[in-house]
Amino acid sequence: MQATQGVVLPGERTPVTVHTDRWRAGLPPGAWPAGLPANGQLWRRDVFAVADAYRAGSASPRQLLTAVLVWAYGPIGYGPWRAARSLDADPDGNRLAYALEGVATPAPDEAALGTAYRRFRDPDHARLPWLGPGLCTKVLYFAGYRRGVGGVQPLILDRVVASHLPAEAGVGRGNGWSSEEWLAYLRWAAEQARVREVEPDAVEMAVVPDR
């Protein structure tokens, strides 16, 4: 289990504020994970706790996706509607479980990360409605990040992050990045983390200082 519960991560400035009752009312039965803060103040540690429970077998893949989407959409009004469409397209969680099988291991490597990303983007495997790269990399981040290990770790890549990355990160300015672009960014962040002696996700958080 990752040592993130009860800890605000270095580089994380504020929690995401969500309307918990509205979210719960808008989602399919059984999708809401246990343990999310009732006060609507959601930190990364809270989503990591659901990811820990998923890997331990006490939370479903759909509950993990819910936690990630609640954190990702936050107070945005269309968030619950889009999240429900994503969840409804995978009622048994089989597509999610298939995409995540390689990153739920104790130490997912680059090959496993690349495979998971490609599965999420392939409509014949695990692609879900409204789950583009910006969101699927958030799922992969929470499901696959291993704190304290260093090296290449799954990180969030959305349009905001991409727009602030230097050219040497290897990411284009669009929003349909290939698995090779995502992995190039992860390698760049790993090297930045090594030099700065920080966690790779602290590098991601520092890319967008006003976020």
N, C-alpha and C. Protein backbone atom coordinates (compact mmCIF):
# COMPACT_ATOMS: atom_id res chain seq x y z
N MET A 1 0.84 -1.19 0.00
CA MET A 1 0.00 0.00 0.00
C MET A 1 0.87 1.25 0.00
N GLN A 2 0.52 2.23 -0.81
CA GLN A 2 1.30 3.44 -0.87
C GLN A 2 1.07 4.29 0.37
N ALA A 3 2.12 4.92 0.84
CA ALA A 3 2.02 5.74 2.04
C ALA A 3 1.56 7.14 1.70
N THR A 4 0.31 7.25 1.25
CA THR A 4 -0.24 8.55 0.86
C THR A 4 -1.44 8.94 1.70
N GLN A 5 -2.05 8.00 2.40
CA GLN A 5 -3.25 8.32 3.15
C GLN A 5 -2.90 9.29 4.27
N GLY A 6 -3.67 10.40 4.36
CA GLY A 6 -3.45 11.39 5.40
C GLY A 6 -2.33 12.35 5.09
N VAL A 7 -1.72 12.25 3.90
CA VAL A 7 -0.58 13.08 3.56
C VAL A 7 -0.91 13.92 2.33
N VAL A 8 -0.69 15.24 2.45
CA VAL A 8 -0.79 16.10 1.28
C VAL A 8 0.52 15.95 0.51
N LEU A 9 0.43 15.62 -0.76
CA LEU A 9 1.63 15.33 -1.53
C LEU A 9 2.42 16.59 -1.82
N PRO A 10 3.76 16.50 -1.82
CA PRO A 10 4.59 17.65 -2.18
C PRO A 10 4.21 18.18 -3.56
N GLY A 11 3.94 19.46 -3.63
CA GLY A 11 3.54 20.07 -4.88
C GLY A 11 2.04 20.23 -5.04
N GLU A 12 1.26 19.55 -4.22
CA GLU A 12 -0.20 19.66 -4.30
C GLU A 12 -0.65 20.85 -3.45
N ARG A 13 -1.30 21.81 -4.07
CA ARG A 13 -1.57 23.07 -3.40
C ARG A 13 -2.92 23.11 -2.68
N THR A 14 -3.93 22.65 -3.34
CA THR A 14 -5.27 22.72 -2.76
C THR A 14 -6.05 21.46 -3.13
N PRO A 15 -7.08 21.12 -2.34
CA PRO A 15 -7.93 20.00 -2.73
C PRO A 15 -8.91 20.41 -3.82
N VAL A 16 -9.49 19.42 -4.47
CA VAL A 16 -10.57 19.65 -5.42
C VAL A 16 -11.87 19.67 -4.63
N THR A 17 -12.68 20.69 -4.86
CA THR A 17 -13.96 20.81 -4.16
C THR A 17 -15.07 20.23 -5.04
N VAL A 18 -15.83 19.29 -4.50
CA VAL A 18 -16.89 18.64 -5.27
C VAL A 18 -18.20 18.69 -4.48
N HIS A 19 -19.30 18.62 -5.23
CA HIS A 19 -20.63 18.55 -4.62
C HIS A 19 -20.98 17.06 -4.48
N THR A 20 -20.66 16.50 -3.34
CA THR A 20 -20.74 15.05 -3.16
C THR A 20 -22.14 14.50 -3.42
N ASP A 21 -23.17 15.14 -2.88
CA ASP A 21 -24.54 14.63 -3.04
C ASP A 21 -24.95 14.62 -4.51
N ARG A 22 -24.57 15.65 -5.23
CA ARG A 22 -24.92 15.72 -6.65
C ARG A 22 -24.22 14.62 -7.42
N TRP A 23 -22.96 14.39 -7.10
CA TRP A 23 -22.22 13.33 -7.77
C TRP A 23 -22.84 11.96 -7.48
N ARG A 24 -23.12 11.68 -6.24
CA ARG A 24 -23.66 10.36 -5.88
C ARG A 24 -24.99 10.11 -6.55
N ALA A 25 -25.81 11.16 -6.64
CA ALA A 25 -27.14 11.01 -7.24
C ALA A 25 -27.06 10.77 -8.74
N GLY A 26 -25.97 11.22 -9.37
CA GLY A 26 -25.88 11.12 -10.83
C GLY A 26 -25.19 9.88 -11.34
N LEU A 27 -24.68 9.02 -10.43
CA LEU A 27 -23.90 7.86 -10.86
C LEU A 27 -24.69 6.56 -10.75
N PRO A 28 -24.30 5.54 -11.51
CA PRO A 28 -24.99 4.24 -11.43
C PRO A 28 -24.84 3.61 -10.05
N PRO A 29 -25.77 2.74 -9.66
CA PRO A 29 -25.68 2.06 -8.36
C PRO A 29 -24.37 1.28 -8.23
N GLY A 30 -23.78 1.35 -7.06
CA GLY A 30 -22.58 0.58 -6.78
C GLY A 30 -21.29 1.21 -7.25
N ALA A 31 -21.38 2.36 -7.91
CA ALA A 31 -20.16 2.97 -8.46
C ALA A 31 -19.42 3.84 -7.45
N TRP A 32 -20.13 4.28 -6.40
CA TRP A 32 -19.48 5.20 -5.45
C TRP A 32 -18.56 4.42 -4.52
N PRO A 33 -17.28 4.81 -4.43
CA PRO A 33 -16.34 4.08 -3.57
C PRO A 33 -16.46 4.50 -2.11
N ALA A 34 -16.21 3.57 -1.21
CA ALA A 34 -16.19 3.89 0.21
C ALA A 34 -14.95 4.74 0.51
N GLY A 35 -15.10 5.64 1.48
CA GLY A 35 -13.94 6.36 1.98
C GLY A 35 -13.70 7.73 1.38
N LEU A 36 -14.42 8.11 0.32
CA LEU A 36 -14.22 9.46 -0.19
C LEU A 36 -14.74 10.47 0.83
N PRO A 37 -14.05 11.57 1.03
CA PRO A 37 -14.44 12.53 2.07
C PRO A 37 -15.87 13.05 1.87
N ALA A 38 -16.64 13.01 2.94
CA ALA A 38 -18.02 13.49 2.87
C ALA A 38 -18.10 15.01 2.75
N ASN A 39 -17.02 15.70 3.13
CA ASN A 39 -17.04 17.17 3.08
C ASN A 39 -16.77 17.73 1.69
N GLY A 40 -16.52 16.86 0.72
CA GLY A 40 -16.32 17.32 -0.65
C GLY A 40 -14.95 17.89 -0.93
N GLN A 41 -14.02 17.80 0.02
CA GLN A 41 -12.65 18.27 -0.20
C GLN A 41 -11.78 17.06 -0.56
N LEU A 42 -11.44 16.95 -1.82
CA LEU A 42 -10.80 15.74 -2.34
C LEU A 42 -9.35 16.03 -2.71
N TRP A 43 -8.44 15.33 -2.02
CA TRP A 43 -7.02 15.42 -2.31
C TRP A 43 -6.59 14.19 -3.13
N ARG A 44 -5.42 14.26 -3.73
CA ARG A 44 -4.90 13.10 -4.45
C ARG A 44 -4.80 11.89 -3.53
N ARG A 45 -4.42 12.09 -2.28
CA ARG A 45 -4.29 10.97 -1.35
C ARG A 45 -5.59 10.19 -1.24
N ASP A 46 -6.74 10.87 -1.36
CA ASP A 46 -8.03 10.20 -1.23
C ASP A 46 -8.28 9.27 -2.41
N VAL A 47 -7.86 9.68 -3.59
CA VAL A 47 -8.01 8.83 -4.78
C VAL A 47 -7.01 7.68 -4.71
N PHE A 48 -5.79 7.97 -4.24
CA PHE A 48 -4.81 6.90 -4.08
C PHE A 48 -5.31 5.84 -3.09
N ALA A 49 -6.06 6.24 -2.08
CA ALA A 49 -6.59 5.27 -1.12
C ALA A 49 -7.57 4.32 -1.80
N VAL A 50 -8.37 4.82 -2.74
CA VAL A 50 -9.28 3.95 -3.50
C VAL A 50 -8.47 3.04 -4.42
N ALA A 51 -7.39 3.57 -5.01
CA ALA A 51 -6.53 2.73 -5.85
C ALA A 51 -5.89 1.62 -5.03
N ASP A 52 -5.46 1.92 -3.81
CA ASP A 52 -4.93 0.89 -2.92
C ASP A 52 -5.97 -0.19 -2.68
N ALA A 53 -7.22 0.25 -2.43
CA ALA A 53 -8.30 -0.71 -2.17
C ALA A 53 -8.58 -1.55 -3.41
N TYR A 54 -8.48 -0.94 -4.59
CA TYR A 54 -8.68 -1.69 -5.83
C TYR A 54 -7.65 -2.80 -5.97
N ARG A 55 -6.40 -2.46 -5.74
CA ARG A 55 -5.35 -3.48 -5.88
C ARG A 55 -5.47 -4.55 -4.81
N ALA A 56 -6.04 -4.19 -3.67
CA ALA A 56 -6.24 -5.18 -2.59
C ALA A 56 -7.50 -6.01 -2.79
N GLY A 57 -8.31 -5.67 -3.78
CA GLY A 57 -9.52 -6.43 -4.06
C GLY A 57 -10.75 -5.97 -3.31
N SER A 58 -10.67 -4.83 -2.61
CA SER A 58 -11.82 -4.36 -1.84
C SER A 58 -12.54 -3.18 -2.48
N ALA A 59 -12.12 -2.78 -3.66
CA ALA A 59 -12.85 -1.78 -4.46
C ALA A 59 -12.86 -2.29 -5.90
N SER A 60 -13.95 -2.01 -6.60
CA SER A 60 -14.09 -2.48 -7.97
C SER A 60 -13.38 -1.53 -8.94
N PRO A 61 -13.11 -1.97 -10.16
CA PRO A 61 -12.53 -1.06 -11.15
C PRO A 61 -13.41 0.15 -11.41
N ARG A 62 -14.73 -0.05 -11.37
CA ARG A 62 -15.65 1.07 -11.60
C ARG A 62 -15.58 2.06 -10.45
N GLN A 63 -15.39 1.59 -9.23
CA GLN A 63 -15.26 2.50 -8.10
C GLN A 63 -13.96 3.30 -8.19
N LEU A 64 -12.89 2.67 -8.68
CA LEU A 64 -11.66 3.40 -8.90
C LEU A 64 -11.87 4.47 -9.96
N LEU A 65 -12.51 4.11 -11.07
CA LEU A 65 -12.78 5.10 -12.12
C LEU A 65 -13.61 6.24 -11.56
N THR A 66 -14.62 5.94 -10.75
CA THR A 66 -15.44 6.99 -10.16
C THR A 66 -14.59 7.96 -9.36
N ALA A 67 -13.73 7.44 -8.49
CA ALA A 67 -12.90 8.30 -7.65
C ALA A 67 -12.03 9.22 -8.51
N VAL A 68 -11.46 8.66 -9.58
CA VAL A 68 -10.61 9.45 -10.46
C VAL A 68 -11.42 10.53 -11.16
N LEU A 69 -12.60 10.18 -11.66
CA LEU A 69 -13.40 11.15 -12.40
C LEU A 69 -13.96 12.23 -11.49
N VAL A 70 -14.34 11.90 -10.27
CA VAL A 70 -14.80 12.92 -9.33
C VAL A 70 -13.68 13.92 -9.09
N TRP A 71 -12.47 13.43 -8.87
CA TRP A 71 -11.32 14.32 -8.65
C TRP A 71 -11.01 15.12 -9.92
N ALA A 72 -11.09 14.47 -11.07
CA ALA A 72 -10.72 15.12 -12.33
C ALA A 72 -11.71 16.21 -12.73
N TYR A 73 -13.00 15.90 -12.65
CA TYR A 73 -14.02 16.88 -13.05
C TYR A 73 -14.29 17.91 -11.96
N GLY A 74 -14.20 17.49 -10.71
CA GLY A 74 -14.44 18.41 -9.60
C GLY A 74 -15.83 19.03 -9.66
N PRO A 75 -15.90 20.37 -9.56
CA PRO A 75 -17.21 21.02 -9.52
C PRO A 75 -17.83 21.28 -10.89
N ILE A 76 -17.18 20.83 -11.97
CA ILE A 76 -17.72 21.08 -13.31
C ILE A 76 -19.10 20.45 -13.43
N GLY A 77 -20.05 21.21 -13.90
CA GLY A 77 -21.45 20.78 -13.90
C GLY A 77 -21.73 19.53 -14.70
N TYR A 78 -21.06 19.35 -15.84
CA TYR A 78 -21.33 18.17 -16.66
C TYR A 78 -20.56 16.94 -16.20
N GLY A 79 -19.73 17.06 -15.15
CA GLY A 79 -18.92 15.94 -14.70
C GLY A 79 -19.70 14.68 -14.39
N PRO A 80 -20.73 14.74 -13.54
CA PRO A 80 -21.48 13.52 -13.22
C PRO A 80 -22.12 12.87 -14.44
N TRP A 81 -22.62 13.69 -15.37
CA TRP A 81 -23.26 13.13 -16.57
C TRP A 81 -22.23 12.37 -17.41
N ARG A 82 -21.08 12.98 -17.65
CA ARG A 82 -20.05 12.32 -18.46
C ARG A 82 -19.52 11.07 -17.75
N ALA A 83 -19.31 11.18 -16.44
CA ALA A 83 -18.82 10.02 -15.68
C ALA A 83 -19.81 8.87 -15.77
N ALA A 84 -21.10 9.17 -15.68
CA ALA A 84 -22.12 8.12 -15.77
C ALA A 84 -22.09 7.45 -17.14
N ARG A 85 -21.87 8.22 -18.20
CA ARG A 85 -21.80 7.63 -19.54
C ARG A 85 -20.59 6.68 -19.64
N SER A 86 -19.45 7.09 -19.06
CA SER A 86 -18.27 6.22 -19.07
C SER A 86 -18.54 4.93 -18.30
N LEU A 87 -19.14 5.06 -17.14
CA LEU A 87 -19.41 3.88 -16.30
C LEU A 87 -20.45 2.97 -16.92
N ASP A 88 -21.49 3.55 -17.52
CA ASP A 88 -22.55 2.74 -18.11
C ASP A 88 -22.04 1.89 -19.28
N ALA A 89 -20.97 2.34 -19.92
CA ALA A 89 -20.42 1.60 -21.06
C ALA A 89 -19.61 0.38 -20.61
N ASP A 90 -19.38 0.26 -19.32
CA ASP A 90 -18.61 -0.88 -18.79
C ASP A 90 -19.27 -1.37 -17.50
N PRO A 91 -20.50 -1.90 -17.60
CA PRO A 91 -21.29 -2.19 -16.40
C PRO A 91 -20.67 -3.23 -15.47
N ASP A 92 -19.84 -4.12 -16.00
CA ASP A 92 -19.19 -5.13 -15.16
C ASP A 92 -17.74 -4.77 -14.81
N GLY A 93 -17.25 -3.68 -15.37
CA GLY A 93 -15.88 -3.27 -15.11
C GLY A 93 -14.83 -4.11 -15.81
N ASN A 94 -15.26 -4.94 -16.76
CA ASN A 94 -14.30 -5.84 -17.41
C ASN A 94 -13.31 -5.11 -18.31
N ARG A 95 -13.79 -4.08 -19.02
CA ARG A 95 -12.89 -3.33 -19.89
C ARG A 95 -11.84 -2.59 -19.06
N LEU A 96 -12.28 -2.00 -17.96
CA LEU A 96 -11.34 -1.31 -17.08
C LEU A 96 -10.31 -2.28 -16.50
N ALA A 97 -10.78 -3.41 -16.02
CA ALA A 97 -9.87 -4.40 -15.43
C ALA A 97 -8.85 -4.87 -16.45
N TYR A 98 -9.29 -5.03 -17.70
CA TYR A 98 -8.37 -5.47 -18.76
C TYR A 98 -7.30 -4.41 -19.01
N ALA A 99 -7.72 -3.14 -19.05
CA ALA A 99 -6.75 -2.07 -19.28
C ALA A 99 -5.75 -1.96 -18.14
N LEU A 100 -6.20 -2.22 -16.92
CA LEU A 100 -5.38 -1.98 -15.74
C LEU A 100 -4.60 -3.20 -15.26
N GLU A 101 -4.78 -4.34 -15.88
CA GLU A 101 -4.16 -5.55 -15.33
C GLU A 101 -2.65 -5.45 -15.22
N GLY A 102 -2.00 -4.76 -16.14
CA GLY A 102 -0.56 -4.66 -16.10
C GLY A 102 -0.03 -3.62 -15.13
N VAL A 103 -0.87 -2.64 -14.76
CA VAL A 103 -0.41 -1.59 -13.85
C VAL A 103 -0.84 -1.84 -12.41
N ALA A 104 -1.61 -2.87 -12.19
CA ALA A 104 -2.01 -3.23 -10.82
C ALA A 104 -0.97 -4.12 -10.14
N THR A 105 0.11 -4.40 -10.84
CA THR A 105 1.19 -5.22 -10.29
C THR A 105 2.06 -4.38 -9.36
N PRO A 106 2.90 -5.01 -8.53
CA PRO A 106 3.73 -4.24 -7.60
C PRO A 106 4.68 -3.25 -8.26
N ALA A 107 5.18 -3.56 -9.46
CA ALA A 107 6.15 -2.67 -10.10
C ALA A 107 5.94 -2.66 -11.60
N PRO A 108 4.92 -1.96 -12.10
CA PRO A 108 4.69 -1.93 -13.54
C PRO A 108 5.85 -1.26 -14.28
N ASP A 109 6.28 -1.86 -15.38
CA ASP A 109 7.39 -1.30 -16.15
C ASP A 109 6.86 -0.51 -17.34
N GLU A 110 7.80 0.01 -18.15
CA GLU A 110 7.40 0.82 -19.30
C GLU A 110 6.51 0.04 -20.27
N ALA A 111 6.83 -1.22 -20.49
CA ALA A 111 6.03 -2.03 -21.41
C ALA A 111 4.60 -2.15 -20.92
N ALA A 112 4.42 -2.37 -19.62
CA ALA A 112 3.08 -2.49 -19.05
C ALA A 112 2.33 -1.17 -19.16
N LEU A 113 3.02 -0.05 -18.92
CA LEU A 113 2.38 1.26 -19.02
C LEU A 113 1.95 1.54 -20.46
N GLY A 114 2.83 1.26 -21.40
CA GLY A 114 2.47 1.48 -22.79
C GLY A 114 1.31 0.63 -23.24
N THR A 115 1.28 -0.62 -22.80
CA THR A 115 0.17 -1.52 -23.14
C THR A 115 -1.14 -1.00 -22.56
N ALA A 116 -1.11 -0.58 -21.31
CA ALA A 116 -2.32 -0.07 -20.66
C ALA A 116 -2.85 1.16 -21.39
N TYR A 117 -1.96 2.06 -21.77
CA TYR A 117 -2.37 3.27 -22.49
C TYR A 117 -3.02 2.90 -23.82
N ARG A 118 -2.39 2.00 -24.56
CA ARG A 118 -2.95 1.61 -25.86
C ARG A 118 -4.30 0.91 -25.70
N ARG A 119 -4.45 0.10 -24.66
CA ARG A 119 -5.74 -0.56 -24.45
C ARG A 119 -6.84 0.46 -24.16
N PHE A 120 -6.52 1.48 -23.38
CA PHE A 120 -7.50 2.52 -23.08
C PHE A 120 -7.91 3.29 -24.33
N ARG A 121 -7.03 3.36 -25.32
CA ARG A 121 -7.32 4.13 -26.52
C ARG A 121 -7.93 3.29 -27.64
N ASP A 122 -8.01 1.99 -27.45
CA ASP A 122 -8.49 1.08 -28.50
C ASP A 122 -9.95 0.73 -28.26
N PRO A 123 -10.86 1.08 -29.19
CA PRO A 123 -12.28 0.77 -28.99
C PRO A 123 -12.57 -0.71 -28.94
N ASP A 124 -11.66 -1.55 -29.45
CA ASP A 124 -11.86 -2.99 -29.40
C ASP A 124 -11.39 -3.60 -28.08
N HIS A 125 -10.76 -2.80 -27.24
CA HIS A 125 -10.24 -3.31 -25.97
C HIS A 125 -10.89 -2.61 -24.78
N ALA A 126 -10.48 -1.38 -24.47
CA ALA A 126 -10.98 -0.79 -23.22
C ALA A 126 -11.40 0.67 -23.35
N ARG A 127 -11.48 1.17 -24.56
CA ARG A 127 -11.88 2.57 -24.71
C ARG A 127 -13.31 2.76 -24.22
N LEU A 128 -13.53 3.86 -23.48
CA LEU A 128 -14.84 4.17 -22.95
C LEU A 128 -15.25 5.58 -23.38
N PRO A 129 -16.55 5.85 -23.49
CA PRO A 129 -17.00 7.20 -23.86
C PRO A 129 -16.48 8.25 -22.89
N TRP A 130 -16.08 9.38 -23.42
CA TRP A 130 -15.62 10.53 -22.65
C TRP A 130 -14.33 10.26 -21.88
N LEU A 131 -13.63 9.18 -22.19
CA LEU A 131 -12.38 8.87 -21.48
C LEU A 131 -11.22 8.99 -22.47
N GLY A 132 -10.88 10.25 -22.77
CA GLY A 132 -9.76 10.51 -23.66
C GLY A 132 -8.44 10.43 -22.92
N PRO A 133 -7.33 10.76 -23.59
CA PRO A 133 -6.02 10.65 -22.96
C PRO A 133 -5.88 11.41 -21.66
N GLY A 134 -6.46 12.61 -21.58
CA GLY A 134 -6.35 13.39 -20.36
C GLY A 134 -6.93 12.70 -19.15
N LEU A 135 -8.00 11.92 -19.35
CA LEU A 135 -8.61 11.19 -18.24
C LEU A 135 -8.02 9.81 -18.06
N CYS A 136 -7.72 9.12 -19.16
CA CYS A 136 -7.17 7.77 -18.98
C CYS A 136 -5.79 7.83 -18.35
N THR A 137 -5.01 8.89 -18.61
CA THR A 137 -3.71 8.99 -17.93
C THR A 137 -3.89 9.31 -16.45
N LYS A 138 -4.98 9.94 -16.09
CA LYS A 138 -5.27 10.15 -14.67
C LYS A 138 -5.58 8.80 -14.00
N VAL A 139 -6.35 7.96 -14.68
CA VAL A 139 -6.63 6.62 -14.14
C VAL A 139 -5.33 5.83 -13.99
N LEU A 140 -4.48 5.88 -15.01
CA LEU A 140 -3.22 5.14 -14.97
C LEU A 140 -2.30 5.69 -13.89
N TYR A 141 -2.31 6.99 -13.68
CA TYR A 141 -1.50 7.60 -12.63
C TYR A 141 -1.89 7.05 -11.26
N PHE A 142 -3.17 7.11 -10.94
CA PHE A 142 -3.59 6.66 -9.62
C PHE A 142 -3.47 5.14 -9.45
N ALA A 143 -3.72 4.41 -10.52
CA ALA A 143 -3.65 2.94 -10.42
C ALA A 143 -2.23 2.42 -10.41
N GLY A 144 -1.31 3.12 -11.09
CA GLY A 144 0.00 2.55 -11.31
C GLY A 144 1.18 3.23 -10.64
N TYR A 145 0.97 4.40 -10.04
CA TYR A 145 2.09 5.12 -9.45
C TYR A 145 2.60 4.38 -8.22
N ARG A 146 3.92 4.26 -8.11
CA ARG A 146 4.55 3.61 -6.96
C ARG A 146 5.50 4.61 -6.29
N ARG A 147 5.03 5.21 -5.22
CA ARG A 147 5.77 6.26 -4.53
C ARG A 147 7.02 5.70 -3.85
N GLY A 148 8.11 6.46 -3.94
CA GLY A 148 9.34 6.06 -3.29
C GLY A 148 10.22 5.15 -4.11
N VAL A 149 9.77 4.80 -5.30
CA VAL A 149 10.52 3.87 -6.14
C VAL A 149 11.41 4.61 -7.13
N GLY A 150 10.92 5.76 -7.60
CA GLY A 150 11.66 6.51 -8.60
C GLY A 150 11.52 5.90 -9.97
N GLY A 151 12.31 6.39 -10.91
CA GLY A 151 12.25 5.87 -12.27
C GLY A 151 10.99 6.32 -13.00
N VAL A 152 10.69 5.61 -14.08
CA VAL A 152 9.53 5.95 -14.90
C VAL A 152 8.24 5.57 -14.17
N GLN A 153 7.39 6.56 -13.97
CA GLN A 153 6.11 6.36 -13.29
C GLN A 153 5.00 6.93 -14.16
N PRO A 154 3.78 6.36 -14.11
CA PRO A 154 2.67 6.91 -14.89
C PRO A 154 2.28 8.29 -14.35
N LEU A 155 2.11 9.23 -15.25
CA LEU A 155 1.78 10.60 -14.87
C LEU A 155 0.64 11.13 -15.73
N ILE A 156 0.01 12.16 -15.23
CA ILE A 156 -1.11 12.80 -15.92
C ILE A 156 -0.59 13.60 -17.12
N LEU A 157 -1.25 13.38 -18.25
CA LEU A 157 -0.97 14.17 -19.45
C LEU A 157 -2.31 14.63 -20.02
N ASP A 158 -2.63 15.88 -19.79
CA ASP A 158 -3.83 16.47 -20.40
C ASP A 158 -3.41 17.71 -21.16
N ARG A 159 -4.38 18.42 -21.72
CA ARG A 159 -4.04 19.56 -22.57
C ARG A 159 -3.33 20.66 -21.81
N VAL A 160 -3.68 20.84 -20.53
CA VAL A 160 -3.03 21.88 -19.74
C VAL A 160 -1.57 21.52 -19.50
N VAL A 161 -1.32 20.29 -19.09
CA VAL A 161 0.06 19.86 -18.87
C VAL A 161 0.85 19.94 -20.17
N ALA A 162 0.28 19.41 -21.25
CA ALA A 162 0.99 19.39 -22.54
C ALA A 162 1.36 20.79 -23.00
N SER A 163 0.49 21.76 -22.76
CA SER A 163 0.75 23.13 -23.22
C SER A 163 1.89 23.79 -22.47
N HIS A 164 2.27 23.24 -21.31
CA HIS A 164 3.34 23.83 -20.51
C HIS A 164 4.65 23.03 -20.57
N LEU A 165 4.64 21.90 -21.25
CA LEU A 165 5.85 21.07 -21.30
C LEU A 165 6.86 21.64 -22.28
N PRO A 166 8.15 21.53 -21.96
CA PRO A 166 9.18 21.94 -22.93
C PRO A 166 9.27 20.95 -24.08
N ALA A 167 9.88 21.36 -25.16
CA ALA A 167 9.97 20.51 -26.35
C ALA A 167 10.69 19.20 -26.05
N GLU A 168 11.67 19.25 -25.13
CA GLU A 168 12.43 18.03 -24.85
C GLU A 168 11.61 16.95 -24.15
N ALA A 169 10.41 17.29 -23.69
CA ALA A 169 9.54 16.27 -23.09
C ALA A 169 8.95 15.35 -24.15
N GLY A 170 9.01 15.76 -25.41
CA GLY A 170 8.58 14.87 -26.50
C GLY A 170 7.10 14.77 -26.73
N VAL A 171 6.34 15.78 -26.30
CA VAL A 171 4.88 15.73 -26.40
C VAL A 171 4.39 16.84 -27.33
N GLY A 172 3.50 16.49 -28.26
CA GLY A 172 2.91 17.49 -29.14
C GLY A 172 1.88 18.33 -28.41
N ARG A 173 1.42 19.38 -29.05
CA ARG A 173 0.49 20.32 -28.42
C ARG A 173 -0.97 19.95 -28.63
N GLY A 174 -1.25 18.83 -29.28
CA GLY A 174 -2.64 18.44 -29.48
C GLY A 174 -3.22 17.78 -28.24
N ASN A 175 -4.13 16.84 -28.46
CA ASN A 175 -4.70 16.11 -27.32
C ASN A 175 -4.91 14.64 -27.64
N GLY A 176 -4.30 14.16 -28.73
CA GLY A 176 -4.45 12.76 -29.11
C GLY A 176 -3.11 12.05 -29.12
N TRP A 177 -2.38 12.17 -28.03
CA TRP A 177 -1.00 11.71 -27.99
C TRP A 177 -0.89 10.19 -28.13
N SER A 178 0.17 9.77 -28.78
CA SER A 178 0.46 8.34 -28.92
C SER A 178 1.05 7.81 -27.62
N SER A 179 1.08 6.50 -27.50
CA SER A 179 1.71 5.90 -26.32
C SER A 179 3.19 6.26 -26.26
N GLU A 180 3.83 6.40 -27.44
CA GLU A 180 5.24 6.77 -27.46
C GLU A 180 5.47 8.16 -26.91
N GLU A 181 4.55 9.09 -27.23
CA GLU A 181 4.67 10.44 -26.67
C GLU A 181 4.49 10.43 -25.16
N TRP A 182 3.52 9.67 -24.67
CA TRP A 182 3.30 9.60 -23.23
C TRP A 182 4.52 9.02 -22.53
N LEU A 183 5.07 7.95 -23.08
CA LEU A 183 6.25 7.33 -22.47
C LEU A 183 7.46 8.26 -22.53
N ALA A 184 7.60 9.03 -23.61
CA ALA A 184 8.70 9.99 -23.69
C ALA A 184 8.58 11.03 -22.58
N TYR A 185 7.37 11.49 -22.34
CA TYR A 185 7.11 12.44 -21.24
C TYR A 185 7.44 11.81 -19.88
N LEU A 186 7.09 10.55 -19.69
CA LEU A 186 7.38 9.88 -18.42
C LEU A 186 8.89 9.76 -18.21
N ARG A 187 9.63 9.46 -19.28
CA ARG A 187 11.08 9.38 -19.16
C ARG A 187 11.69 10.74 -18.83
N TRP A 188 11.18 11.77 -19.50
CA TRP A 188 11.66 13.13 -19.22
C TRP A 188 11.39 13.50 -17.76
N ALA A 189 10.18 13.22 -17.28
CA ALA A 189 9.83 13.54 -15.89
C ALA A 189 10.68 12.75 -14.91
N ALA A 190 10.97 11.49 -15.25
CA ALA A 190 11.80 10.67 -14.36
C ALA A 190 13.19 11.26 -14.23
N GLU A 191 13.76 11.75 -15.34
CA GLU A 191 15.09 12.36 -15.28
C GLU A 191 15.05 13.68 -14.51
N GLN A 192 14.00 14.47 -14.73
CA GLN A 192 13.85 15.71 -13.97
C GLN A 192 13.73 15.42 -12.47
N ALA A 193 12.99 14.39 -12.13
CA ALA A 193 12.83 14.02 -10.72
C ALA A 193 14.15 13.58 -10.12
N ARG A 194 14.94 12.84 -10.89
CA ARG A 194 16.24 12.38 -10.39
C ARG A 194 17.15 13.57 -10.09
N VAL A 195 17.20 14.51 -11.03
CA VAL A 195 18.07 15.67 -10.87
C VAL A 195 17.62 16.55 -9.70
N ARG A 196 16.31 16.73 -9.58
CA ARG A 196 15.78 17.62 -8.53
C ARG A 196 15.61 16.91 -7.19
N GLU A 197 15.76 15.58 -7.21
CA GLU A 197 15.58 14.75 -6.01
C GLU A 197 14.17 14.91 -5.44
N VAL A 198 13.18 14.76 -6.34
CA VAL A 198 11.77 14.81 -5.97
C VAL A 198 11.07 13.61 -6.60
N GLU A 199 9.80 13.44 -6.26
CA GLU A 199 8.98 12.42 -6.90
C GLU A 199 8.62 12.84 -8.33
N PRO A 200 8.47 11.88 -9.25
CA PRO A 200 8.06 12.25 -10.60
C PRO A 200 6.74 13.03 -10.66
N ASP A 201 5.79 12.72 -9.78
CA ASP A 201 4.53 13.48 -9.87
C ASP A 201 4.68 14.91 -9.36
N ALA A 202 5.72 15.18 -8.56
CA ALA A 202 6.02 16.57 -8.18
C ALA A 202 6.47 17.36 -9.40
N VAL A 203 7.14 16.69 -10.33
CA VAL A 203 7.52 17.33 -11.59
C VAL A 203 6.27 17.69 -12.38
N GLU A 204 5.34 16.75 -12.48
CA GLU A 204 4.07 17.03 -13.18
C GLU A 204 3.33 18.19 -12.55
N MET A 205 3.25 18.23 -11.22
CA MET A 205 2.53 19.31 -10.54
C MET A 205 3.22 20.65 -10.75
N ALA A 206 4.54 20.64 -10.84
CA ALA A 206 5.28 21.90 -11.01
C ALA A 206 5.18 22.44 -12.43
N VAL A 207 4.81 21.61 -13.39
CA VAL A 207 4.70 22.05 -14.78
C VAL A 207 3.64 23.13 -14.91
N VAL A 208 2.55 23.02 -14.15
CA VAL A 208 1.46 23.99 -14.20
C VAL A 208 1.36 24.65 -12.83
N PRO A 209 2.15 25.68 -12.56
CA PRO A 209 2.23 26.22 -11.21
C PRO A 209 0.96 26.86 -10.68
N ASP A 210 0.08 27.31 -11.57
CA ASP A 210 -1.14 27.99 -11.11
C ASP A 210 -2.34 27.07 -11.10
N ARG A 211 -2.13 25.78 -11.25
CA ARG A 211 -3.27 24.86 -11.35
C ARG A 211 -3.75 24.44 -9.97
